[in-house]
Amino acid sequence: MLVLTRQRDERIVIGDDVEIVVVDIRGDKVRLGVVAPHTVSVHRKEIYEAIRRENQDASGMQGELPGFNLPAQGSDAVRRLANRRNDSGEERREIA
């Protein structure tokens, strides 16, 4: 881990596109500003972990998809659903 000392209004540069700015220091709290392109996600650690858990839960989703009577298990369910045939035997593409 790299440990840096910065004062108010000083910056840290990460790569070519990201800057961390010390906005304010009050007691034991430091306010940081992040300057980054819109293509870079910036989250507090606890929010990042919550998003990651939600994504893992969604990718392992089990149950049944309404109206299709197929078990839902992530990408396997999508592949089966995409190649399903209708009652007259024609192949239909529900999800491409």
PDB file of N, CA and C in Angstrom:
ATOM      1  N   MET A   1       0.845  -1.171   0.000  1.00  0.00           N
ATOM      2  CA  MET A   1       0.000   0.000   0.000  1.00  0.00           C
ATOM      3  C   MET A   1       0.895   1.240   0.000  1.00  0.00           C
ATOM      4  N   LEU A   2       0.573   2.166  -0.838  1.00  0.00           N
ATOM      5  CA  LEU A   2       1.261   3.454  -0.878  1.00  0.00           C
ATOM      6  C   LEU A   2       0.544   4.421   0.047  1.00  0.00           C
ATOM      7  N   VAL A   3       1.268   5.046   0.952  1.00  0.00           N
ATOM      8  CA  VAL A   3       0.682   6.007   1.882  1.00  0.00           C
ATOM      9  C   VAL A   3       1.247   7.383   1.544  1.00  0.00           C
ATOM     10  N   LEU A   4       0.341   8.331   1.300  1.00  0.00           N
ATOM     11  CA  LEU A   4       0.744   9.689   0.943  1.00  0.00           C
ATOM     12  C   LEU A   4       0.190  10.682   1.953  1.00  0.00           C
ATOM     13  N   THR A   5       0.915  11.751   2.176  1.00  0.00           N
ATOM     14  CA  THR A   5       0.441  12.839   3.017  1.00  0.00           C
ATOM     15  C   THR A   5       0.074  14.007   2.110  1.00  0.00           C
ATOM     16  N   ARG A   6      -1.129  14.520   2.282  1.00  0.00           N
ATOM     17  CA  ARG A   6      -1.611  15.638   1.467  1.00  0.00           C
ATOM     18  C   ARG A   6      -2.267  16.650   2.373  1.00  0.00           C
ATOM     19  N   GLN A   7      -2.252  17.898   1.975  1.00  0.00           N
ATOM     20  CA  GLN A   7      -2.952  18.952   2.691  1.00  0.00           C
ATOM     21  C   GLN A   7      -4.164  19.378   1.872  1.00  0.00           C
ATOM     22  N   ARG A   8      -4.979  20.226   2.472  1.00  0.00           N
ATOM     23  CA  ARG A   8      -6.185  20.709   1.802  1.00  0.00           C
ATOM     24  C   ARG A   8      -5.825  21.312   0.440  1.00  0.00           C
ATOM     25  N   ASP A   9      -6.651  21.004  -0.567  1.00  0.00           N
ATOM     26  CA  ASP A   9      -6.526  21.456  -1.950  1.00  0.00           C
ATOM     27  C   ASP A   9      -5.373  20.793  -2.718  1.00  0.00           C
ATOM     28  N   GLU A  10      -4.665  19.856  -2.115  1.00  0.00           N
ATOM     29  CA  GLU A  10      -3.632  19.120  -2.853  1.00  0.00           C
ATOM     30  C   GLU A  10      -4.256  17.899  -3.511  1.00  0.00           C
ATOM     31  N   ARG A  11      -3.594  17.405  -4.533  1.00  0.00           N
ATOM     32  CA  ARG A  11      -4.163  16.341  -5.361  1.00  0.00           C
ATOM     33  C   ARG A  11      -3.251  15.133  -5.457  1.00  0.00           C
ATOM     34  N   ILE A  12      -3.876  14.010  -5.777  1.00  0.00           N
ATOM     35  CA  ILE A  12      -3.172  12.771  -6.103  1.00  0.00           C
ATOM     36  C   ILE A  12      -3.676  12.373  -7.484  1.00  0.00           C
ATOM     37  N   VAL A  13      -2.784  11.994  -8.361  1.00  0.00           N
ATOM     38  CA  VAL A  13      -3.153  11.604  -9.723  1.00  0.00           C
ATOM     39  C   VAL A  13      -3.008  10.093  -9.855  1.00  0.00           C
ATOM     40  N   ILE A  14      -4.036   9.432 -10.400  1.00  0.00           N
ATOM     41  CA  ILE A  14      -4.019   7.995 -10.659  1.00  0.00           C
ATOM     42  C   ILE A  14      -4.171   7.803 -12.162  1.00  0.00           C
ATOM     43  N   GLY A  15      -3.159   7.232 -12.792  1.00  0.00           N
ATOM     44  CA  GLY A  15      -3.182   7.070 -14.237  1.00  0.00           C
ATOM     45  C   GLY A  15      -3.217   8.433 -14.911  1.00  0.00           C
ATOM     46  N   ASP A  16      -3.805   8.492 -16.089  1.00  0.00           N
ATOM     47  CA  ASP A  16      -3.896   9.752 -16.835  1.00  0.00           C
ATOM     48  C   ASP A  16      -5.207  10.486 -16.603  1.00  0.00           C
ATOM     49  N   ASP A  17      -6.218   9.791 -16.075  1.00  0.00           N
ATOM     50  CA  ASP A  17      -7.575  10.343 -16.080  1.00  0.00           C
ATOM     51  C   ASP A  17      -8.209  10.582 -14.716  1.00  0.00           C
ATOM     52  N   VAL A  18      -7.583  10.156 -13.629  1.00  0.00           N
ATOM     53  CA  VAL A  18      -8.231  10.233 -12.322  1.00  0.00           C
ATOM     54  C   VAL A  18      -7.402  11.094 -11.368  1.00  0.00           C
ATOM     55  N   GLU A  19      -8.087  12.023 -10.704  1.00  0.00           N
ATOM     56  CA  GLU A  19      -7.452  12.852  -9.681  1.00  0.00           C
ATOM     57  C   GLU A  19      -8.261  12.776  -8.403  1.00  0.00           C
ATOM     58  N   ILE A  20      -7.559  12.667  -7.276  1.00  0.00           N
ATOM     59  CA  ILE A  20      -8.178  12.707  -5.959  1.00  0.00           C
ATOM     60  C   ILE A  20      -7.767  14.033  -5.330  1.00  0.00           C
ATOM     61  N   VAL A  21      -8.751  14.814  -4.880  1.00  0.00           N
ATOM     62  CA  VAL A  21      -8.497  16.146  -4.315  1.00  0.00           C
ATOM     63  C   VAL A  21      -8.893  16.143  -2.841  1.00  0.00           C
ATOM     64  N   VAL A  22      -8.024  16.638  -1.980  1.00  0.00           N
ATOM     65  CA  VAL A  22      -8.378  16.812  -0.571  1.00  0.00           C
ATOM     66  C   VAL A  22      -9.195  18.101  -0.492  1.00  0.00           C
ATOM     67  N   VAL A  23     -10.489  17.964  -0.276  1.00  0.00           N
ATOM     68  CA  VAL A  23     -11.401  19.100  -0.283  1.00  0.00           C
ATOM     69  C   VAL A  23     -11.426  19.785   1.083  1.00  0.00           C
ATOM     70  N   ASP A  24     -11.466  18.993   2.167  1.00  0.00           N
ATOM     71  CA  ASP A  24     -11.573  19.573   3.495  1.00  0.00           C
ATOM     72  C   ASP A  24     -11.076  18.571   4.519  1.00  0.00           C
ATOM     73  N   ILE A  25     -10.590  19.071   5.628  1.00  0.00           N
ATOM     74  CA  ILE A  25     -10.161  18.234   6.750  1.00  0.00           C
ATOM     75  C   ILE A  25     -10.795  18.823   8.004  1.00  0.00           C
ATOM     76  N   ARG A  26     -11.595  18.013   8.698  1.00  0.00           N
ATOM     77  CA  ARG A  26     -12.242  18.450   9.943  1.00  0.00           C
ATOM     78  C   ARG A  26     -12.058  17.358  10.982  1.00  0.00           C
ATOM     79  N   GLY A  27     -11.206  17.614  11.952  1.00  0.00           N
ATOM     80  CA  GLY A  27     -10.942  16.617  12.990  1.00  0.00           C
ATOM     81  C   GLY A  27     -10.359  15.360  12.378  1.00  0.00           C
ATOM     82  N   ASP A  28     -11.043  14.229  12.597  1.00  0.00           N
ATOM     83  CA  ASP A  28     -10.546  12.963  12.058  1.00  0.00           C
ATOM     84  C   ASP A  28     -11.228  12.586  10.737  1.00  0.00           C
ATOM     85  N   LYS A  29     -11.930  13.534  10.117  1.00  0.00           N
ATOM     86  CA  LYS A  29     -12.603  13.267   8.840  1.00  0.00           C
ATOM     87  C   LYS A  29     -11.951  14.064   7.719  1.00  0.00           C
ATOM     88  N   VAL A  30     -11.758  13.402   6.598  1.00  0.00           N
ATOM     89  CA  VAL A  30     -11.178  14.028   5.410  1.00  0.00           C
ATOM     90  C   VAL A  30     -12.214  13.936   4.297  1.00  0.00           C
ATOM     91  N   ARG A  31     -12.520  15.046   3.646  1.00  0.00           N
ATOM     92  CA  ARG A  31     -13.424  15.045   2.492  1.00  0.00           C
ATOM     93  C   ARG A  31     -12.564  15.017   1.240  1.00  0.00           C
ATOM     94  N   LEU A  32     -12.844  14.048   0.380  1.00  0.00           N
ATOM     95  CA  LEU A  32     -12.102  13.887  -0.854  1.00  0.00           C
ATOM     96  C   LEU A  32     -13.019  14.135  -2.041  1.00  0.00           C
ATOM     97  N   GLY A  33     -12.472  14.721  -3.074  1.00  0.00           N
ATOM     98  CA  GLY A  33     -13.178  14.864  -4.335  1.00  0.00           C
ATOM     99  C   GLY A  33     -12.488  13.987  -5.364  1.00  0.00           C
ATOM    100  N   VAL A  34     -13.263  13.403  -6.255  1.00  0.00           N
ATOM    101  CA  VAL A  34     -12.714  12.539  -7.290  1.00  0.00           C
ATOM    102  C   VAL A  34     -13.069  13.135  -8.640  1.00  0.00           C
ATOM    103  N   VAL A  35     -12.051  13.378  -9.452  1.00  0.00           N
ATOM    104  CA  VAL A  35     -12.249  13.862 -10.814  1.00  0.00           C
ATOM    105  C   VAL A  35     -11.892  12.692 -11.724  1.00  0.00           C
ATOM    106  N   ALA A  36     -12.906  12.169 -12.431  1.00  0.00           N
ATOM    107  CA  ALA A  36     -12.695  11.000 -13.287  1.00  0.00           C
ATOM    108  C   ALA A  36     -13.660  11.049 -14.454  1.00  0.00           C
ATOM    109  N   PRO A  37     -13.309  10.406 -15.572  1.00  0.00           N
ATOM    110  CA  PRO A  37     -14.244  10.347 -16.702  1.00  0.00           C
ATOM    111  C   PRO A  37     -15.515   9.583 -16.309  1.00  0.00           C
ATOM    112  N   HIS A  38     -16.581   9.812 -17.042  1.00  0.00           N
ATOM    113  CA  HIS A  38     -17.858   9.140 -16.753  1.00  0.00           C
ATOM    114  C   HIS A  38     -17.759   7.631 -16.955  1.00  0.00           C
ATOM    115  N   THR A  39     -16.775   7.173 -17.697  1.00  0.00           N
ATOM    116  CA  THR A  39     -16.617   5.741 -17.945  1.00  0.00           C
ATOM    117  C   THR A  39     -15.976   5.013 -16.760  1.00  0.00           C
ATOM    118  N   VAL A  40     -15.497   5.755 -15.766  1.00  0.00           N
ATOM    119  CA  VAL A  40     -14.873   5.166 -14.587  1.00  0.00           C
ATOM    120  C   VAL A  40     -15.875   5.211 -13.432  1.00  0.00           C
ATOM    121  N   SER A  41     -16.183   4.056 -12.868  1.00  0.00           N
ATOM    122  CA  SER A  41     -17.093   3.994 -11.723  1.00  0.00           C
ATOM    123  C   SER A  41     -16.334   4.366 -10.462  1.00  0.00           C
ATOM    124  N   VAL A  42     -16.936   5.219  -9.657  1.00  0.00           N
ATOM    125  CA  VAL A  42     -16.340   5.617  -8.382  1.00  0.00           C
ATOM    126  C   VAL A  42     -17.401   5.426  -7.308  1.00  0.00           C
ATOM    127  N   HIS A  43     -17.109   4.567  -6.331  1.00  0.00           N
ATOM    128  CA  HIS A  43     -18.049   4.270  -5.255  1.00  0.00           C
ATOM    129  C   HIS A  43     -17.306   4.202  -3.931  1.00  0.00           C
ATOM    130  N   ARG A  44     -18.004   4.474  -2.839  1.00  0.00           N
ATOM    131  CA  ARG A  44     -17.471   4.149  -1.523  1.00  0.00           C
ATOM    132  C   ARG A  44     -17.374   2.632  -1.440  1.00  0.00           C
ATOM    133  N   LYS A  45     -16.437   2.136  -0.652  1.00  0.00           N
ATOM    134  CA  LYS A  45     -16.191   0.686  -0.571  1.00  0.00           C
ATOM    135  C   LYS A  45     -17.452  -0.091  -0.201  1.00  0.00           C
ATOM    136  N   GLU A  46     -18.223   0.388   0.777  1.00  0.00           N
ATOM    137  CA  GLU A  46     -19.407  -0.358   1.205  1.00  0.00           C
ATOM    138  C   GLU A  46     -20.478  -0.395   0.106  1.00  0.00           C
ATOM    139  N   ILE A  47     -20.569   0.658  -0.699  1.00  0.00           N
ATOM    140  CA  ILE A  47     -21.517   0.667  -1.815  1.00  0.00           C
ATOM    141  C   ILE A  47     -21.043  -0.282  -2.913  1.00  0.00           C
ATOM    142  N   TYR A  48     -19.749  -0.264  -3.197  1.00  0.00           N
ATOM    143  CA  TYR A  48     -19.168  -1.169  -4.191  1.00  0.00           C
ATOM    144  C   TYR A  48     -19.442  -2.626  -3.808  1.00  0.00           C
ATOM    145  N   GLU A  49     -19.229  -2.974  -2.541  1.00  0.00           N
ATOM    146  CA  GLU A  49     -19.470  -4.342  -2.078  1.00  0.00           C
ATOM    147  C   GLU A  49     -20.952  -4.714  -2.206  1.00  0.00           C
ATOM    148  N   ALA A  50     -21.849  -3.787  -1.894  1.00  0.00           N
ATOM    149  CA  ALA A  50     -23.284  -4.060  -2.015  1.00  0.00           C
ATOM    150  C   ALA A  50     -23.670  -4.295  -3.471  1.00  0.00           C
ATOM    151  N   ILE A  51     -23.132  -3.505  -4.383  1.00  0.00           N
ATOM    152  CA  ILE A  51     -23.402  -3.686  -5.813  1.00  0.00           C
ATOM    153  C   ILE A  51     -22.882  -5.042  -6.271  1.00  0.00           C
ATOM    154  N   ARG A  52     -21.676  -5.391  -5.840  1.00  0.00           N
ATOM    155  CA  ARG A  52     -21.082  -6.674  -6.221  1.00  0.00           C
ATOM    156  C   ARG A  52     -21.929  -7.846  -5.713  1.00  0.00           C
ATOM    157  N   ARG A  53     -22.406  -7.760  -4.472  1.00  0.00           N
ATOM    158  CA  ARG A  53     -23.267  -8.825  -3.931  1.00  0.00           C
ATOM    159  C   ARG A  53     -24.563  -8.939  -4.724  1.00  0.00           C
ATOM    160  N   GLU A  54     -25.169  -7.796  -5.047  1.00  0.00           N
ATOM    161  CA  GLU A  54     -26.414  -7.813  -5.833  1.00  0.00           C
ATOM    162  C   GLU A  54     -26.194  -8.446  -7.201  1.00  0.00           C
ATOM    163  N   ASN A  55     -25.089  -8.111  -7.848  1.00  0.00           N
ATOM    164  CA  ASN A  55     -24.778  -8.696  -9.157  1.00  0.00           C
ATOM    165  C   ASN A  55     -24.552 -10.198  -9.062  1.00  0.00           C
ATOM    166  N   GLN A  56     -23.860 -10.644  -8.014  1.00  0.00           N
ATOM    167  CA  GLN A  56     -23.648 -12.081  -7.826  1.00  0.00           C
ATOM    168  C   GLN A  56     -24.967 -12.789  -7.562  1.00  0.00           C
ATOM    169  N   ASP A  57     -25.816 -12.186  -6.736  1.00  0.00           N
ATOM    170  CA  ASP A  57     -27.125 -12.784  -6.462  1.00  0.00           C
ATOM    171  C   ASP A  57     -27.968 -12.869  -7.724  1.00  0.00           C
ATOM    172  N   ALA A  58     -27.939 -11.820  -8.535  1.00  0.00           N
ATOM    173  CA  ALA A  58     -28.736 -11.801  -9.768  1.00  0.00           C
ATOM    174  C   ALA A  58     -28.221 -12.819 -10.780  1.00  0.00           C
ATOM    175  N   SER A  59     -26.917 -13.005 -10.855  1.00  0.00           N
ATOM    176  CA  SER A  59     -26.374 -13.950 -11.830  1.00  0.00           C
ATOM    177  C   SER A  59     -26.644 -15.391 -11.428  1.00  0.00           C
ATOM    178  N   GLY A  60     -26.867 -15.634 -10.156  1.00  0.00           N
ATOM    179  CA  GLY A  60     -27.172 -16.980  -9.696  1.00  0.00           C
ATOM    180  C   GLY A  60     -28.641 -17.170  -9.412  1.00  0.00           C
ATOM    181  N   MET A  61     -29.473 -16.284  -9.953  1.00  0.00           N
ATOM    182  CA  MET A  61     -30.911 -16.301  -9.706  1.00  0.00           C
ATOM    183  C   MET A  61     -31.503 -17.665 -10.031  1.00  0.00           C
ATOM    184  N   GLN A  62     -32.335 -18.161  -9.130  1.00  0.00           N
ATOM    185  CA  GLN A  62     -33.018 -19.415  -9.378  1.00  0.00           C
ATOM    186  C   GLN A  62     -34.508 -19.186  -9.220  1.00  0.00           C
ATOM    187  N   GLY A  63     -35.279 -20.062  -9.770  1.00  0.00           N
ATOM    188  CA  GLY A  63     -36.731 -19.918  -9.735  1.00  0.00           C
ATOM    189  C   GLY A  63     -37.264 -20.197 -11.116  1.00  0.00           C
ATOM    190  N   GLU A  64     -38.370 -19.587 -11.445  1.00  0.00           N
ATOM    191  CA  GLU A  64     -38.960 -19.805 -12.750  1.00  0.00           C
ATOM    192  C   GLU A  64     -39.267 -18.476 -13.397  1.00  0.00           C
ATOM    193  N   LEU A  65     -39.017 -18.370 -14.680  1.00  0.00           N
ATOM    194  CA  LEU A  65     -39.345 -17.155 -15.404  1.00  0.00           C
ATOM    195  C   LEU A  65     -40.833 -17.152 -15.696  1.00  0.00           C
ATOM    196  N   PRO A  66     -41.531 -16.083 -15.376  1.00  0.00           N
ATOM    197  CA  PRO A  66     -42.979 -16.055 -15.581  1.00  0.00           C
ATOM    198  C   PRO A  66     -43.352 -16.233 -17.043  1.00  0.00           C
ATOM    199  N   GLY A  67     -44.314 -17.107 -17.303  1.00  0.00           N
ATOM    200  CA  GLY A  67     -44.831 -17.295 -18.650  1.00  0.00           C
ATOM    201  C   GLY A  67     -44.028 -18.241 -19.514  1.00  0.00           C
ATOM    202  N   PHE A  68     -42.891 -18.724 -19.062  1.00  0.00           N
ATOM    203  CA  PHE A  68     -42.064 -19.584 -19.901  1.00  0.00           C
ATOM    204  C   PHE A  68     -41.852 -20.968 -19.298  1.00  0.00           C
ATOM    205  N   ASN A  69     -42.198 -21.164 -18.027  1.00  0.00           N
ATOM    206  CA  ASN A  69     -42.031 -22.434 -17.338  1.00  0.00           C
ATOM    207  C   ASN A  69     -40.633 -23.010 -17.499  1.00  0.00           C
ATOM    208  N   LEU A  70     -39.639 -22.156 -17.454  1.00  0.00           N
ATOM    209  CA  LEU A  70     -38.248 -22.577 -17.532  1.00  0.00           C
ATOM    210  C   LEU A  70     -37.549 -22.204 -16.237  1.00  0.00           C
ATOM    211  N   PRO A  71     -36.717 -23.074 -15.713  1.00  0.00           N
ATOM    212  CA  PRO A  71     -35.947 -22.664 -14.539  1.00  0.00           C
ATOM    213  C   PRO A  71     -34.962 -21.582 -14.920  1.00  0.00           C
ATOM    214  N   ALA A  72     -34.842 -20.574 -14.087  1.00  0.00           N
ATOM    215  CA  ALA A  72     -33.929 -19.467 -14.368  1.00  0.00           C
ATOM    216  C   ALA A  72     -32.629 -19.687 -13.620  1.00  0.00           C
ATOM    217  N   GLN A  73     -31.535 -19.827 -14.339  1.00  0.00           N
ATOM    218  CA  GLN A  73     -30.228 -19.983 -13.722  1.00  0.00           C
ATOM    219  C   GLN A  73     -29.208 -19.229 -14.556  1.00  0.00           C
ATOM    220  N   GLY A  74     -29.221 -17.923 -14.456  1.00  0.00           N
ATOM    221  CA  GLY A  74     -28.220 -17.094 -15.129  1.00  0.00           C
ATOM    222  C   GLY A  74     -28.222 -17.254 -16.629  1.00  0.00           C
ATOM    223  N   SER A  75     -27.031 -17.348 -17.238  1.00  0.00           N
ATOM    224  CA  SER A  75     -26.889 -17.348 -18.685  1.00  0.00           C
ATOM    225  C   SER A  75     -27.457 -18.605 -19.330  1.00  0.00           C
ATOM    226  N   ASP A  76     -27.511 -19.758 -18.613  1.00  0.00           N
ATOM    227  CA  ASP A  76     -28.104 -20.968 -19.176  1.00  0.00           C
ATOM    228  C   ASP A  76     -29.570 -20.751 -19.507  1.00  0.00           C
ATOM    229  N   ALA A  77     -30.283 -20.059 -18.628  1.00  0.00           N
ATOM    230  CA  ALA A  77     -31.701 -19.789 -18.869  1.00  0.00           C
ATOM    231  C   ALA A  77     -31.876 -18.908 -20.091  1.00  0.00           C
ATOM    232  N   VAL A  78     -30.994 -17.953 -20.278  1.00  0.00           N
ATOM    233  CA  VAL A  78     -31.089 -17.065 -21.441  1.00  0.00           C
ATOM    234  C   VAL A  78     -30.861 -17.845 -22.721  1.00  0.00           C
ATOM    235  N   ARG A  79     -29.852 -18.734 -22.722  1.00  0.00           N
ATOM    236  CA  ARG A  79     -29.596 -19.536 -23.926  1.00  0.00           C
ATOM    237  C   ARG A  79     -30.786 -20.429 -24.250  1.00  0.00           C
ATOM    238  N   ARG A  80     -31.364 -21.097 -23.237  1.00  0.00           N
ATOM    239  CA  ARG A  80     -32.522 -21.955 -23.491  1.00  0.00           C
ATOM    240  C   ARG A  80     -33.702 -21.129 -23.981  1.00  0.00           C
ATOM    241  N   LEU A  81     -33.907 -19.986 -23.385  1.00  0.00           N
ATOM    242  CA  LEU A  81     -35.029 -19.138 -23.765  1.00  0.00           C
ATOM    243  C   LEU A  81     -34.868 -18.627 -25.190  1.00  0.00           C
ATOM    244  N   ALA A  82     -33.655 -18.325 -25.599  1.00  0.00           N
ATOM    245  CA  ALA A  82     -33.412 -17.798 -26.939  1.00  0.00           C
ATOM    246  C   ALA A  82     -33.723 -18.833 -28.009  1.00  0.00           C
ATOM    247  N   ASN A  83     -33.597 -20.120 -27.705  1.00  0.00           N
ATOM    248  CA  ASN A  83     -33.793 -21.165 -28.706  1.00  0.00           C
ATOM    249  C   ASN A  83     -35.111 -21.916 -28.545  1.00  0.00           C
ATOM    250  N   ARG A  84     -36.046 -21.367 -27.822  1.00  0.00           N
ATOM    251  CA  ARG A  84     -37.321 -22.028 -27.575  1.00  0.00           C
ATOM    252  C   ARG A  84     -38.204 -22.021 -28.827  1.00  0.00           C
ATOM    253  N   ARG A  85     -38.963 -23.087 -29.028  1.00  0.00           N
ATOM    254  CA  ARG A  85     -39.893 -23.170 -30.166  1.00  0.00           C
ATOM    255  C   ARG A  85     -41.320 -22.924 -29.674  1.00  0.00           C
ATOM    256  N   ASN A  86     -42.129 -22.339 -30.556  1.00  0.00           N
ATOM    257  CA  ASN A  86     -43.521 -22.103 -30.170  1.00  0.00           C
ATOM    258  C   ASN A  86     -44.358 -23.363 -30.411  1.00  0.00           C
ATOM    259  N   ASP A  87     -45.664 -23.297 -30.163  1.00  0.00           N
ATOM    260  CA  ASP A  87     -46.542 -24.469 -30.257  1.00  0.00           C
ATOM    261  C   ASP A  87     -46.595 -25.066 -31.660  1.00  0.00           C
ATOM    262  N   SER A  88     -46.408 -24.263 -32.707  1.00  0.00           N
ATOM    263  CA  SER A  88     -46.477 -24.782 -34.076  1.00  0.00           C
ATOM    264  C   SER A  88     -45.120 -25.289 -34.561  1.00  0.00           C
ATOM    265  N   GLY A  89     -44.108 -25.305 -33.682  1.00  0.00           N
ATOM    266  CA  GLY A  89     -42.811 -25.853 -34.055  1.00  0.00           C
ATOM    267  C   GLY A  89     -41.832 -24.845 -34.618  1.00  0.00           C
ATOM    268  N   GLU A  90     -42.288 -23.612 -34.812  1.00  0.00           N
ATOM    269  CA  GLU A  90     -41.380 -22.593 -35.321  1.00  0.00           C
ATOM    270  C   GLU A  90     -40.451 -22.142 -34.209  1.00  0.00           C
ATOM    271  N   GLU A  91     -39.201 -21.934 -34.575  1.00  0.00           N
ATOM    272  CA  GLU A  91     -38.271 -21.434 -33.571  1.00  0.00           C
ATOM    273  C   GLU A  91     -38.514 -19.943 -33.372  1.00  0.00           C
ATOM    274  N   ARG A  92     -38.587 -19.535 -32.135  1.00  0.00           N
ATOM    275  CA  ARG A  92     -38.752 -18.110 -31.858  1.00  0.00           C
ATOM    276  C   ARG A  92     -37.596 -17.629 -30.991  1.00  0.00           C
ATOM    277  N   ARG A  93     -37.209 -16.416 -31.204  1.00  0.00           N
ATOM    278  CA  ARG A  93     -36.078 -15.830 -30.494  1.00  0.00           C
ATOM    279  C   ARG A  93     -36.610 -14.812 -29.501  1.00  0.00           C
ATOM    280  N   GLU A  94     -36.725 -15.222 -28.269  1.00  0.00           N
ATOM    281  CA  GLU A  94     -37.241 -14.348 -27.224  1.00  0.00           C
ATOM    282  C   GLU A  94     -36.181 -13.348 -26.767  1.00  0.00           C
ATOM    283  N   ILE A  95     -34.975 -13.830 -26.627  1.00  0.00           N
ATOM    284  CA  ILE A  95     -33.880 -12.976 -26.191  1.00  0.00           C
ATOM    285  C   ILE A  95     -32.725 -13.185 -27.162  1.00  0.00           C
ATOM    286  N   ALA A  96     -32.228 -12.129 -27.735  1.00  0.00           N
ATOM    287  CA  ALA A  96     -31.138 -12.259 -28.703  1.00  0.00           C
ATOM    288  C   ALA A  96     -29.833 -11.875 -28.058  1.00  0.00           C
TER     289      ALA A  96
END
